[in-house]
Protein backbone atom coordinates (compact mmCIF):
# COMPACT_ATOMS: atom_id res chain seq x y z
CA MET A 1 -42.71 -141.21 37.05
CA GLU A 2 -39.71 -138.58 37.17
CA LYS A 3 -39.66 -136.49 34.09
CA LYS A 4 -36.73 -136.71 31.74
CA LYS A 5 -34.73 -133.53 31.50
CA LEU A 6 -33.82 -132.28 28.03
CA LEU A 7 -31.57 -129.38 27.07
CA PHE A 8 -31.42 -127.66 23.85
CA VAL A 9 -28.59 -125.19 23.28
CA ILE A 10 -28.94 -122.77 20.31
CA SER A 11 -26.70 -119.78 19.34
CA ASN A 12 -29.74 -117.40 18.94
CA LEU A 13 -33.44 -117.16 18.32
CA ASN A 14 -33.49 -114.96 15.17
CA ILE A 15 -35.91 -116.00 12.40
CA GLY A 16 -34.26 -118.87 10.76
CA GLY A 17 -34.89 -122.46 9.70
CA PRO A 18 -33.14 -124.17 12.66
CA GLN A 19 -35.11 -121.77 14.96
CA LYS A 20 -38.39 -122.38 13.58
CA SER A 21 -37.82 -126.11 13.49
CA LEU A 22 -36.98 -125.98 17.13
CA LEU A 23 -39.96 -124.09 18.05
CA ALA A 24 -42.15 -126.53 16.12
CA LEU A 25 -40.42 -129.50 17.56
CA LEU A 26 -41.11 -128.33 21.03
CA ASP A 27 -44.85 -127.87 20.25
CA ASN A 28 -44.97 -131.55 19.64
CA ILE A 29 -43.29 -132.86 22.84
CA ASP A 30 -45.22 -134.34 25.78
CA TYR A 31 -44.41 -132.13 28.78
CA ASP A 32 -46.00 -134.68 31.19
CA ILE A 33 -42.75 -136.78 30.33
CA PHE A 34 -40.20 -134.09 29.57
CA ASP A 35 -38.71 -131.19 31.31
CA VAL A 36 -37.37 -128.89 28.66
CA ASP A 37 -34.70 -126.33 29.12
CA VAL A 38 -33.47 -124.03 26.31
CA CYS A 39 -30.39 -122.05 26.54
CA VAL A 40 -29.89 -119.35 23.85
CA LEU A 41 -26.11 -118.18 23.68
CA ARG A 42 -27.36 -114.61 22.44
CA PRO A 43 -30.68 -113.87 23.87
CA ASP A 44 -33.32 -111.44 22.73
CA GLY A 45 -34.19 -112.99 19.36
CA GLU A 46 -37.44 -112.39 17.83
CA LEU A 47 -38.84 -115.86 18.36
CA ALA A 48 -38.28 -116.24 21.97
CA SER A 49 -41.81 -115.15 22.95
CA PHE A 50 -43.53 -117.70 20.52
CA PHE A 51 -42.08 -120.84 22.32
CA ASN A 52 -44.35 -123.24 24.17
CA LYS A 53 -45.17 -122.10 27.68
CA ASN A 54 -43.92 -125.17 29.05
CA VAL A 55 -40.29 -124.38 27.81
CA ASN A 56 -37.99 -123.17 30.47
CA PHE A 57 -35.45 -120.53 29.18
CA ILE A 58 -32.17 -120.66 31.08
CA ASP A 59 -30.50 -117.49 32.09
CA VAL A 60 -27.14 -117.15 30.16
CA SER A 61 -24.16 -115.38 31.93
CA GLU A 62 -22.73 -112.49 29.97
CA LEU A 63 -19.31 -114.19 30.20
CA LEU A 64 -20.64 -117.21 28.22
CA THR A 65 -22.09 -115.07 25.64
CA ALA A 66 -18.93 -112.90 25.40
CA ALA A 67 -16.94 -116.20 25.09
CA THR A 68 -18.82 -116.82 21.72
CA LEU A 69 -17.35 -113.43 20.05
CA PRO A 70 -20.73 -112.27 18.78
CA SER A 71 -20.43 -110.54 15.66
CA GLU A 72 -22.96 -107.88 16.86
CA ASN A 73 -22.01 -105.38 19.58
CA ILE A 74 -18.62 -106.90 19.94
CA VAL A 75 -17.23 -103.87 21.81
CA TYR A 76 -19.78 -104.40 24.52
CA TRP A 77 -18.89 -108.19 24.91
CA LEU A 78 -15.29 -107.08 25.00
CA LYS A 79 -16.00 -104.82 27.79
CA VAL A 80 -17.68 -107.67 29.53
CA LEU A 81 -14.67 -109.64 29.53
CA LEU A 82 -12.68 -106.78 31.02
CA LYS A 83 -15.20 -106.03 33.79
CA GLN A 84 -15.30 -109.72 34.78
CA GLY A 85 -11.49 -109.64 35.11
CA GLN A 86 -10.81 -112.02 32.11
CA TYR A 87 -7.72 -110.19 30.93
CA HIS A 88 -6.24 -113.16 29.19
CA MET A 89 -9.64 -113.85 27.37
CA PHE A 90 -9.80 -110.24 26.46
CA THR A 91 -6.34 -110.03 24.77
CA ASP A 92 -7.03 -113.32 22.79
CA ALA A 93 -10.25 -111.95 21.75
CA ILE A 94 -8.63 -108.79 20.38
CA ILE A 95 -6.11 -111.06 18.72
CA SER A 96 -8.77 -113.09 16.98
CA ILE A 97 -10.81 -110.13 15.82
CA THR A 98 -7.68 -108.50 14.53
CA ARG A 99 -6.75 -111.66 12.55
CA HIS A 100 -10.24 -111.67 11.10
CA ILE A 101 -10.39 -108.05 10.04
CA PHE A 102 -6.62 -107.61 8.78
CA LEU A 103 -5.55 -111.08 7.93
CA LYS A 104 -8.92 -112.12 6.60
CA ARG A 105 -9.04 -115.10 8.78
CA ASN A 106 -12.36 -117.09 8.88
CA MET A 107 -14.12 -115.68 12.02
CA ASN A 108 -15.89 -119.01 12.71
CA GLN A 109 -12.66 -120.82 12.88
CA GLU A 110 -11.31 -117.94 15.20
CA ARG A 111 -14.21 -118.58 17.61
CA GLN A 112 -13.60 -122.25 17.61
CA LYS A 113 -9.97 -121.83 18.66
CA PHE A 114 -10.80 -119.09 21.22
CA TRP A 115 -13.53 -121.30 22.75
CA ARG A 116 -11.39 -124.45 23.01
CA LYS A 117 -8.62 -122.33 24.72
CA HIS A 118 -10.90 -120.55 27.14
CA ALA A 119 -13.83 -123.04 27.91
CA ASN A 120 -12.34 -124.03 31.27
CA GLN A 121 -12.66 -120.28 32.53
CA LEU A 122 -16.50 -120.59 31.91
CA PRO A 123 -19.15 -121.43 34.59
CA LYS A 124 -20.63 -125.04 34.13
CA PHE A 125 -24.47 -125.62 34.12
CA SER A 126 -25.73 -126.45 37.59
CA LYS A 127 -28.47 -128.81 36.35
CA GLU A 128 -28.11 -132.33 35.07
CA TYR A 129 -29.77 -133.63 32.03
CA ASP A 130 -30.74 -136.97 30.31
CA LEU A 131 -30.24 -135.50 26.74
CA SER A 132 -28.78 -132.38 25.51
CA PHE A 133 -28.45 -131.06 22.09
CA GLY A 134 -26.23 -128.46 20.37
CA ILE A 135 -27.84 -126.46 17.59
CA LEU A 136 -25.69 -124.10 15.36
CA GLY A 137 -22.43 -122.20 16.13
CA LEU A 138 -20.71 -123.09 19.40
CA SER A 139 -23.72 -124.80 20.85
CA THR A 140 -22.30 -128.40 20.65
CA TYR A 141 -19.12 -127.08 22.34
CA VAL A 142 -21.23 -125.82 25.11
CA ILE A 143 -22.87 -129.02 25.84
CA VAL A 144 -19.55 -131.03 25.64
CA ASP A 145 -17.51 -128.56 27.85
CA LEU A 146 -20.28 -126.98 30.27
CA VAL A 147 -23.25 -129.36 30.66
CA SER A 148 -23.49 -132.71 32.63
CA SER A 149 -25.81 -134.87 30.63
CA MET A 150 -26.12 -138.51 30.13
CA LYS A 151 -26.11 -138.24 26.47
CA LYS A 152 -25.13 -135.45 24.09
CA PHE A 153 -25.98 -134.83 20.47
CA HIS A 154 -24.99 -132.35 17.73
CA TRP A 155 -27.80 -131.43 15.42
CA VAL A 156 -26.58 -131.43 11.70
CA ARG A 157 -28.54 -128.60 10.03
CA SER A 158 -26.83 -128.33 6.70
CA ASP A 159 -24.15 -129.67 4.14
CA VAL A 160 -21.18 -129.29 6.55
CA ARG A 161 -18.73 -129.08 3.65
CA ILE A 162 -19.94 -125.42 2.95
CA LEU A 163 -19.50 -124.25 6.64
CA ASN A 164 -15.71 -123.67 6.35
CA ARG A 165 -15.01 -124.59 9.89
CA ASN A 166 -11.87 -126.14 11.46
CA THR A 167 -12.71 -129.72 11.07
CA GLU A 168 -9.86 -130.84 13.24
CA ILE A 169 -11.42 -129.01 16.23
CA ASP A 170 -15.05 -130.11 15.31
CA GLY A 171 -13.77 -133.75 15.20
CA GLU A 172 -12.34 -133.39 18.74
CA TYR A 173 -15.45 -132.25 20.10
CA TYR A 174 -17.44 -134.76 18.29
CA ASN A 175 -15.52 -137.57 19.91
CA PHE A 176 -17.20 -136.70 23.25
CA LEU A 177 -20.68 -136.96 21.78
CA THR A 178 -23.24 -139.86 22.02
CA GLY A 179 -24.23 -139.02 18.44
CA ALA A 180 -25.71 -136.74 16.14
CA LEU A 181 -29.08 -135.82 14.52
CA ALA A 182 -29.32 -134.85 10.94
CA VAL A 183 -32.11 -133.01 9.10
CA SER A 184 -31.89 -135.17 6.03
CA LYS A 185 -30.28 -138.46 4.97
CA LYS A 186 -27.97 -136.73 2.66
CA CYS A 187 -26.81 -134.27 5.28
CA GLY A 188 -26.08 -137.25 7.61
CA GLU A 189 -24.01 -139.06 4.94
CA ILE A 190 -22.01 -136.00 4.43
CA PHE A 191 -21.32 -135.60 7.92
CA GLU A 192 -20.16 -139.10 8.55
CA ASN A 193 -17.94 -138.93 5.46
CA MET A 194 -16.26 -135.82 6.88
CA TYR A 195 -16.22 -137.18 10.42
CA PRO A 196 -15.85 -141.06 10.05
CA HIS A 197 -15.78 -141.76 13.74
CA MET A 198 -19.67 -140.64 13.71
CA ARG A 199 -20.58 -143.39 11.32
CA SER A 200 -23.44 -145.50 12.77
CA LYS A 201 -23.99 -142.76 15.36
CA THR A 202 -26.00 -140.25 13.23
CA GLU A 203 -29.77 -140.47 12.78
CA VAL A 204 -32.23 -138.69 10.55
CA PHE A 205 -34.49 -136.34 12.41
CA TYR A 206 -36.65 -134.14 10.04
CA ASN A 207 -37.66 -130.62 10.45
CA TYR A 208 -41.18 -129.66 11.85
CA ILE A 209 -43.38 -126.94 10.46
CA PRO A 210 -44.39 -124.37 13.12
CA GLU A 211 -48.05 -124.33 12.29
CA ASN A 212 -49.05 -122.89 15.83
CA PHE A 213 -46.48 -120.06 15.42
CA TYR A 214 -47.87 -118.96 12.14
CA ASN A 215 -51.49 -119.38 13.25
CA ASN A 216 -50.85 -116.73 15.91
CA ILE A 217 -49.09 -113.86 13.82
CA SER A 218 -50.41 -111.38 11.55
CA PHE A 219 -49.77 -111.15 7.74
CA ASP A 220 -50.27 -108.17 5.43
CA PRO A 221 -51.85 -109.54 2.25
CA SER A 222 -51.59 -105.98 0.33
CA LEU A 223 -47.66 -106.76 0.11
CA ILE A 224 -48.55 -109.12 -2.75
CA LYS A 225 -50.63 -107.45 -5.35
CA LYS A 226 -52.40 -109.70 -7.62
CA HIS A 227 -53.43 -108.72 -11.26
CA ASP A 228 -55.53 -110.30 -13.79
CA GLY A 229 -53.29 -112.55 -16.09
CA GLU A 230 -50.34 -112.29 -13.86
CA THR A 231 -48.44 -115.19 -12.28
CA THR A 232 -47.21 -114.47 -8.93
CA ILE A 233 -43.82 -116.20 -7.81
CA LEU A 234 -42.24 -116.27 -4.20
CA THR A 235 -38.81 -117.09 -3.15
CA VAL A 236 -38.03 -117.27 0.72
CA THR A 237 -34.39 -117.03 1.36
CA ARG A 238 -31.55 -115.27 3.20
CA LEU A 239 -29.82 -112.81 0.71
CA ASP A 240 -26.56 -114.68 0.42
CA PRO A 241 -24.40 -115.85 -2.66
CA LEU A 242 -24.99 -119.38 -1.63
CA LYS A 243 -28.81 -119.04 -2.04
CA GLY A 244 -28.65 -118.48 -5.71
CA ILE A 245 -30.66 -115.42 -5.80
CA GLU A 246 -28.94 -114.27 -9.01
CA LEU A 247 -30.24 -117.37 -10.66
CA ALA A 248 -33.61 -116.24 -9.72
CA ILE A 249 -32.86 -112.75 -11.26
CA GLU A 250 -31.65 -114.14 -14.42
CA ALA A 251 -34.81 -116.50 -14.82
CA CYS A 252 -37.01 -113.49 -14.20
CA ARG A 253 -35.16 -111.47 -16.89
CA ILE A 254 -35.71 -114.36 -19.36
CA LEU A 255 -39.49 -114.72 -18.65
CA VAL A 256 -39.99 -110.83 -18.77
CA ASN A 257 -38.20 -110.66 -21.98
CA GLU A 258 -40.23 -113.25 -23.51
CA GLY A 259 -43.33 -111.40 -22.57
CA ILE A 260 -44.60 -113.60 -19.93
CA ASN A 261 -46.45 -111.48 -17.28
CA ILE A 262 -45.09 -112.23 -13.90
CA LYS A 263 -44.33 -110.66 -10.54
CA TRP A 264 -41.57 -112.19 -8.56
CA TYR A 265 -41.44 -111.68 -4.79
CA VAL A 266 -38.69 -112.38 -2.35
CA LEU A 267 -38.87 -112.63 1.39
CA GLY A 268 -35.57 -112.20 3.50
CA ASN A 269 -32.68 -110.09 4.05
CA GLY A 270 -28.91 -110.38 4.23
CA LYS A 271 -25.56 -108.76 3.82
CA TYR A 272 -26.10 -109.49 -0.05
CA ARG A 273 -29.09 -107.15 -0.36
CA LYS A 274 -27.35 -104.10 -1.81
CA LYS A 275 -25.67 -106.24 -4.45
CA VAL A 276 -29.09 -107.90 -5.24
CA GLU A 277 -30.69 -104.46 -5.61
CA GLU A 278 -27.98 -103.38 -7.83
CA LEU A 279 -28.28 -106.46 -10.03
CA ILE A 280 -32.24 -105.97 -10.19
CA LYS A 281 -31.65 -102.44 -11.48
CA GLU A 282 -29.03 -103.54 -13.77
CA LYS A 283 -31.53 -105.86 -15.48
CA GLY A 284 -34.31 -103.53 -15.46
CA LEU A 285 -36.54 -105.51 -13.29
CA GLN A 286 -37.55 -103.08 -10.56
CA ASN A 287 -41.26 -103.68 -11.44
CA SER A 288 -41.03 -107.38 -11.70
CA PHE A 289 -38.60 -108.57 -9.00
CA ILE A 290 -39.71 -107.17 -5.75
CA LEU A 291 -37.75 -107.56 -2.49
CA LEU A 292 -40.18 -107.49 0.64
CA GLY A 293 -37.44 -107.97 3.18
CA PHE A 294 -38.00 -109.88 6.37
CA GLN A 295 -41.47 -110.97 6.94
CA LEU A 296 -42.46 -113.25 9.84
CA ASN A 297 -45.37 -115.22 8.49
CA THR A 298 -43.75 -116.82 5.51
CA LEU A 299 -46.50 -119.48 5.42
CA GLU A 300 -49.07 -117.04 4.55
CA PHE A 301 -47.18 -115.31 1.74
CA ILE A 302 -46.48 -118.81 0.32
CA LYS A 303 -50.36 -119.41 0.40
CA ASN A 304 -51.05 -116.35 -1.47
CA VAL A 305 -48.77 -116.82 -4.51
CA ASP A 306 -49.16 -119.03 -7.59
CA ILE A 307 -45.66 -120.66 -7.67
CA PHE A 308 -42.90 -121.27 -5.20
CA VAL A 309 -39.16 -121.12 -6.32
CA HIS A 310 -36.17 -122.17 -4.32
CA PRO A 311 -33.04 -121.34 -6.38
CA SER A 312 -30.51 -122.32 -3.73
CA ARG A 313 -26.87 -123.62 -4.38
CA THR A 314 -26.81 -125.64 -1.20
CA GLU A 315 -29.21 -126.74 1.43
CA GLY A 316 -29.37 -129.10 4.44
CA LYS A 317 -33.22 -129.32 4.29
CA SER A 318 -35.10 -126.19 3.25
CA ASN A 319 -37.95 -125.28 5.81
CA ALA A 320 -39.40 -122.87 2.96
CA VAL A 321 -39.56 -125.81 0.61
CA ASP A 322 -41.34 -127.94 3.31
CA GLU A 323 -43.84 -124.96 3.97
CA ALA A 324 -44.59 -124.73 0.21
CA LYS A 325 -45.28 -128.65 0.05
CA PHE A 326 -47.37 -128.34 3.05
CA VAL A 327 -49.78 -125.76 1.59
CA GLY A 328 -49.73 -127.34 -1.86
CA LYS A 329 -47.95 -125.08 -4.21
CA PRO A 330 -46.28 -125.83 -7.53
CA ILE A 331 -42.67 -125.82 -6.78
CA VAL A 332 -39.52 -125.25 -8.63
CA VAL A 333 -36.13 -126.01 -7.04
CA THR A 334 -32.41 -126.24 -8.37
CA ASN A 335 -30.58 -129.50 -8.19
CA TYR A 336 -28.60 -128.93 -4.96
CA ASP A 337 -27.15 -132.03 -3.37
CA THR A 338 -29.98 -132.71 -0.86
CA VAL A 339 -32.99 -131.81 -3.11
CA SER A 340 -34.15 -135.44 -3.81
CA GLU A 341 -35.08 -135.83 -0.31
CA GLN A 342 -37.61 -133.10 -0.45
CA ILE A 343 -38.79 -132.95 -4.24
CA GLU A 344 -39.40 -135.69 -6.54
CA ASN A 345 -38.93 -134.28 -9.98
CA LYS A 346 -41.98 -133.98 -11.92
CA VAL A 347 -44.12 -135.55 -8.89
CA THR A 348 -43.99 -132.99 -6.12
CA GLY A 349 -41.93 -130.22 -8.10
CA LEU A 350 -39.85 -129.58 -11.10
CA VAL A 351 -36.03 -129.72 -10.29
CA ALA A 352 -33.99 -127.31 -12.46
CA ASP A 353 -30.37 -127.23 -13.41
CA MET A 354 -28.34 -124.77 -11.55
CA SER A 355 -29.02 -121.71 -14.06
CA GLY A 356 -31.28 -119.05 -14.57
CA LYS A 357 -32.23 -120.49 -17.97
CA SER A 358 -33.23 -123.90 -16.68
CA ILE A 359 -35.20 -122.13 -13.69
CA ALA A 360 -37.19 -120.06 -16.44
CA SER A 361 -37.73 -123.07 -18.50
CA ALA A 362 -39.34 -124.94 -15.52
CA LEU A 363 -41.46 -121.96 -14.64
CA LYS A 364 -42.65 -121.59 -18.19
CA ARG A 365 -43.65 -125.24 -18.15
CA ILE A 366 -45.79 -124.86 -15.07
CA ILE A 367 -47.37 -121.40 -16.08
CA LYS A 368 -48.52 -122.77 -19.36
CA ASP A 369 -49.68 -126.13 -17.98
CA GLU A 370 -52.79 -125.95 -15.79
CA GLU A 371 -52.85 -129.62 -15.41
CA LEU A 372 -49.32 -129.81 -14.27
CA GLN A 373 -50.00 -127.08 -11.73
CA LEU A 374 -52.91 -129.01 -10.23
CA PHE A 375 -50.98 -132.30 -10.36
CA LEU A 376 -47.78 -130.92 -8.53
CA ALA A 377 -50.02 -128.99 -5.96
CA LYS A 378 -52.16 -132.09 -5.07
CA ASN A 379 -49.13 -134.46 -4.60
CA CYS A 380 -47.81 -131.88 -2.13
CA LEU A 381 -50.69 -130.67 -0.09
CA ASN A 382 -50.54 -131.35 3.66
CA SER A 383 -46.99 -133.00 3.18
CA LYS A 384 -45.06 -133.41 6.33
CA ASP A 385 -41.78 -135.31 6.58
CA ALA A 386 -41.33 -134.94 10.36
CA SER A 387 -42.23 -137.75 12.51
CA GLU A 388 -45.34 -137.19 14.55
CA GLN A 389 -43.86 -139.11 17.40
CA VAL A 390 -41.35 -136.72 18.98
CA THR A 391 -41.91 -137.96 22.57
CA GLU A 392 -41.13 -141.58 21.46
CA ASP A 393 -38.17 -140.54 19.35
CA PHE A 394 -36.68 -138.92 22.43
CA LEU A 395 -37.43 -141.81 24.78
CA LYS A 396 -35.66 -144.04 22.34
CA LEU A 397 -32.56 -141.96 22.34
CA ILE A 398 -32.45 -142.18 26.20
CA LYS A 399 -32.92 -146.00 25.98
CA GLU A 400 -30.33 -146.60 23.41
């Protein structure tokens, strides 16, 4: 039997939920049946070395990467356009970047317009595929314009309403797709409502937890110091206004002011870090709310605290919440739109309102009630939402 050929295109392999989900997904596929290629539009991310040894990484031309107008090392990529004689592309790239810097135009939308205008100048993939999938950024545009594939899918990783993309251009590209895969039912519904022509073409495909990945990387337990009578709390998030970190800080302030002995740790970095540090200092929480920065083995950190808190304002389906459920931790989440698909209130966690006061109230309830801690933890332990039949799922997509 000839192997079925799959292609996954992703914008980068930095540490993030989509990347870890893809890594885990490709640990659960049958390589006797599938030949799997991965194309990374901006190579050299931290996760590349952790992928299954059967995965074949496709070399990406510098011209293709330059055409995505990367935010990092943009001067280098502009030089690539010049070196390859793409003077028209170079001029339009300068115009797009200038609009972004001086006219405050959305850079993601500028990238969309730039790609649509210049895609016909880019080299097409030589190999033909049975299934191809676009994950993040311009990846779906790549499979539409440059890939020969029997079926093509967009992977819906978030609540698309918050992405601030040019929906008209996205809609044009989605017209060429076989369908879409969504990380949650709610994300799928939101996506279909925004792009009605994708109704009945969108299926739910849950995240995987990258257990093999976590089993093969180190963890420094000394970063979380435990003291008698102290409750340790953990949040894993990108430092971004959409992730509600200021709600966590306010909840911490309330608990500390009430004399509750806690230490709240945060894993993650982001452009918002300086503002977060200023807010922590302003609230006098330097000894209680501690930023540990980027850490690779989030699962081990979650195992080593008492309570997990996810204060986000919006989510597709949080990988970190999935991991906290899997290891059996009491969980507090905010009531973002997709939360009910991950947490059943008072059964697998407590769902708080979108405020520091409500998060603090939920935390006090857990801290003071040992039976509740055990009940929530037991209901979560070893929880996995993803199908364990990834091979059958992909074969089904081919046949449909």
